[in-house]
Amino acid sequence: MKRASVLLLFIGFILLVQSCTYTLSLNGVGIPPTMKTVRVDFFENNAQLVVNTLSRQFTEALKARIRNTTRLDVVQAGDADAIFSGSITDYTIAPVSIQATNNNVAPIAGASRLTITVHVKYVYDADKKLSFEESFSKYEDFTGDIASKEQALIADINKQLTEDIFNKAFANW
């Protein structure tokens, strides 16, 4: 009986050690235990329609997402265990619904959609199968003039984009 319980304890220990290949936090993030640092390069805005602050806002949002959710150190330059790089490839505002007018004037946009697309290259040399190069696109619909809503819309879209990029890199979704 004593021998059986020691054997079960030993088997349990072996299973526990083998299952610890990746660090898993309460939010389901899987980060290899050897990964300590990440570098997030500046994401240039190469879209035809340019918002001056978008590159900085997106880059900082991705850094903040990593800092606030992982144990990783975000480094500015030099060697890093993993590297995010890329560019903002599209920033568009397009109508999604048309609203008729009462006085025979051309119809106007009832709602519009702001779409941001980011091309991301993630390199993790220690495990090449975790690396990827992919485009991510998110949008928010709005009504009225964009000027008063643009910064809030950008912040919302950046949050969605960084969530998707983070999940692709660290949760393999």
Protein backbone atom coordinates (compact mmCIF):
# COMPACT_ATOMS: atom_id res chain seq x y z
CA MET A 1 0.00 0.00 0.00
CA LYS A 2 2.79 2.40 0.94
CA ARG A 3 4.72 1.48 -2.17
CA ALA A 4 1.67 2.14 -4.40
CA SER A 5 1.12 5.62 -2.94
CA VAL A 6 4.81 6.51 -3.43
CA LEU A 7 4.59 5.28 -7.02
CA LEU A 8 1.44 7.36 -7.66
CA LEU A 9 3.11 10.41 -6.13
CA PHE A 10 6.18 9.89 -8.34
CA ILE A 11 4.04 9.51 -11.49
CA GLY A 12 2.09 12.64 -10.56
CA PHE A 13 5.35 14.55 -10.13
CA ILE A 14 6.66 13.39 -13.52
CA LEU A 15 3.40 14.43 -15.23
CA LEU A 16 3.53 17.82 -13.52
CA VAL A 17 7.12 18.45 -14.61
CA GLN A 18 6.43 17.44 -18.21
CA SER A 19 3.32 19.61 -18.41
CA CYS A 20 5.31 22.70 -17.45
CA THR A 21 6.76 23.21 -20.91
CA TYR A 22 5.03 26.60 -21.12
CA THR A 23 4.22 29.05 -18.39
CA LEU A 24 0.45 29.35 -18.08
CA SER A 25 -1.07 32.23 -16.19
CA LEU A 26 -4.64 32.70 -15.02
CA ASN A 27 -5.57 34.42 -18.27
CA GLY A 28 -4.54 31.43 -20.39
CA VAL A 29 -1.36 32.93 -21.79
CA GLY A 30 1.25 30.37 -22.83
CA ILE A 31 4.76 31.78 -22.87
CA PRO A 32 7.82 29.56 -23.19
CA PRO A 33 9.74 29.61 -19.90
CA THR A 34 12.98 30.59 -21.68
CA MET A 35 11.39 33.75 -23.11
CA LYS A 36 12.27 36.73 -20.93
CA THR A 37 12.33 39.73 -23.26
CA VAL A 38 10.33 41.07 -26.20
CA ARG A 39 11.08 43.96 -28.52
CA VAL A 40 8.27 45.85 -30.24
CA ASP A 41 9.60 47.83 -33.18
CA PHE A 42 7.89 51.04 -34.27
CA PHE A 43 4.96 50.32 -36.62
CA GLU A 44 5.18 52.81 -39.49
CA ASN A 45 1.93 54.07 -40.96
CA ASN A 46 2.01 53.14 -44.66
CA ALA A 47 -1.72 53.59 -45.22
CA GLN A 48 -2.92 56.02 -47.88
CA LEU A 49 -4.89 57.96 -45.28
CA VAL A 50 -2.44 58.92 -42.52
CA VAL A 51 -3.27 59.91 -38.96
CA ASN A 52 -0.12 61.43 -37.46
CA THR A 53 -0.43 59.79 -34.05
CA LEU A 54 -1.60 56.32 -35.16
CA SER A 55 1.84 54.69 -35.41
CA ARG A 56 2.84 55.76 -31.92
CA GLN A 57 -0.56 54.88 -30.44
CA PHE A 58 -0.60 51.39 -31.94
CA THR A 59 3.03 50.62 -31.03
CA GLU A 60 2.50 51.77 -27.44
CA ALA A 61 -0.79 49.84 -27.16
CA LEU A 62 0.97 46.61 -28.16
CA LYS A 63 3.79 47.24 -25.67
CA ALA A 64 1.27 47.98 -22.91
CA ARG A 65 -0.69 44.81 -23.68
CA ILE A 66 2.47 42.73 -23.28
CA ARG A 67 3.67 44.57 -20.14
CA ASN A 68 0.28 44.41 -18.40
CA THR A 69 -0.46 40.76 -19.14
CA THR A 70 2.88 38.94 -19.02
CA ARG A 71 6.06 38.67 -17.02
CA LEU A 72 8.09 39.66 -20.10
CA ASP A 73 10.34 42.69 -20.19
CA VAL A 74 9.72 44.93 -23.20
CA VAL A 75 13.15 46.12 -24.35
CA GLN A 76 13.83 49.11 -26.59
CA ALA A 77 16.78 47.89 -28.64
CA GLY A 78 19.30 45.11 -28.94
CA ASP A 79 18.79 41.42 -28.46
CA ALA A 80 15.40 40.18 -27.42
CA ASP A 81 14.00 36.67 -27.20
CA ALA A 82 11.10 37.64 -29.50
CA ILE A 83 10.49 40.56 -31.84
CA PHE A 84 7.32 42.19 -33.14
CA SER A 85 7.70 44.33 -36.25
CA GLY A 86 5.45 45.51 -39.05
CA SER A 87 3.44 48.40 -40.34
CA ILE A 88 -0.02 49.89 -40.51
CA THR A 89 -1.11 49.04 -44.04
CA ASP A 90 -4.65 50.38 -44.19
CA TYR A 91 -6.74 53.08 -42.54
CA THR A 92 -10.10 53.59 -44.23
CA ILE A 93 -13.38 55.31 -43.53
CA ALA A 94 -16.29 54.01 -45.60
CA PRO A 95 -20.09 54.24 -45.43
CA VAL A 96 -21.87 51.09 -44.24
CA SER A 97 -25.47 52.33 -44.47
CA ILE A 98 -27.20 54.99 -46.51
CA GLN A 99 -29.83 57.36 -45.15
CA ALA A 100 -32.39 58.94 -47.47
CA THR A 101 -33.18 62.62 -47.23
CA ASN A 102 -36.64 64.22 -47.48
CA ASN A 103 -35.88 66.92 -50.02
CA ASN A 104 -34.71 64.93 -53.07
CA VAL A 105 -31.08 65.56 -52.27
CA ALA A 106 -28.57 62.77 -52.70
CA PRO A 107 -28.61 60.24 -49.86
CA ILE A 108 -26.06 60.62 -47.06
CA ALA A 109 -24.13 58.08 -45.05
CA GLY A 110 -26.16 56.90 -42.05
CA ALA A 111 -23.28 55.05 -40.49
CA SER A 112 -19.63 54.78 -41.39
CA ARG A 113 -16.90 52.27 -40.62
CA LEU A 114 -13.33 52.99 -39.59
CA THR A 115 -11.07 50.05 -40.45
CA ILE A 116 -7.42 49.66 -39.48
CA THR A 117 -5.20 46.90 -40.85
CA VAL A 118 -1.79 46.06 -39.42
CA HIS A 119 0.78 43.72 -40.93
CA VAL A 120 2.74 41.97 -38.16
CA LYS A 121 5.87 39.87 -38.22
CA TYR A 122 6.56 37.99 -34.98
CA VAL A 123 9.90 36.21 -34.70
CA TYR A 124 10.80 33.80 -31.92
CA ASP A 125 14.07 32.13 -32.93
CA ALA A 126 14.06 29.56 -30.12
CA ASP A 127 10.91 27.94 -31.55
CA LYS A 128 10.39 28.90 -35.20
CA LYS A 129 6.95 27.26 -35.38
CA LEU A 130 5.64 29.98 -33.03
CA SER A 131 6.80 32.73 -35.41
CA PHE A 132 4.32 34.20 -37.88
CA GLU A 133 3.77 36.93 -40.44
CA GLU A 134 0.15 37.95 -40.85
CA SER A 135 -2.21 40.88 -41.34
CA PHE A 136 -4.82 41.77 -38.72
CA SER A 137 -7.80 43.99 -39.42
CA LYS A 138 -10.49 45.42 -37.11
CA TYR A 139 -13.18 48.04 -37.49
CA GLU A 140 -15.65 50.16 -35.54
CA ASP A 141 -18.87 51.64 -36.90
CA PHE A 142 -19.88 55.20 -36.04
CA THR A 143 -22.42 57.84 -36.99
CA GLY A 144 -21.86 61.51 -37.64
CA ASP A 145 -18.59 63.32 -38.13
CA ILE A 146 -15.37 61.37 -37.53
CA ALA A 147 -13.44 64.33 -36.11
CA SER A 148 -14.93 64.21 -32.63
CA LYS A 149 -14.85 60.41 -32.40
CA GLU A 150 -11.64 59.47 -34.21
CA GLN A 151 -9.30 59.15 -31.21
CA ALA A 152 -11.77 57.04 -29.22
CA LEU A 153 -12.39 54.82 -32.26
CA ILE A 154 -8.65 54.39 -32.79
CA ALA A 155 -8.18 53.43 -29.14
CA ASP A 156 -10.97 50.82 -29.37
CA ILE A 157 -9.63 49.34 -32.59
CA ASN A 158 -6.06 49.28 -31.23
CA LYS A 159 -7.33 47.34 -28.22
CA GLN A 160 -8.97 44.76 -30.50
CA LEU A 161 -5.93 44.51 -32.77
CA THR A 162 -3.44 44.10 -29.94
CA GLU A 163 -5.67 41.45 -28.37
CA ASP A 164 -5.67 39.44 -31.61
CA ILE A 165 -1.92 39.84 -32.12
CA PHE A 166 -1.21 38.95 -28.49
CA ASN A 167 -3.38 35.84 -28.70
CA LYS A 168 -1.71 34.73 -31.94
CA ALA A 169 1.77 35.13 -30.42
CA PHE A 170 1.20 33.82 -26.91
CA ALA A 171 -1.99 31.79 -26.84
CA ASN A 172 -1.68 30.17 -30.29
CA TRP A 173 -5.26 31.08 -31.26
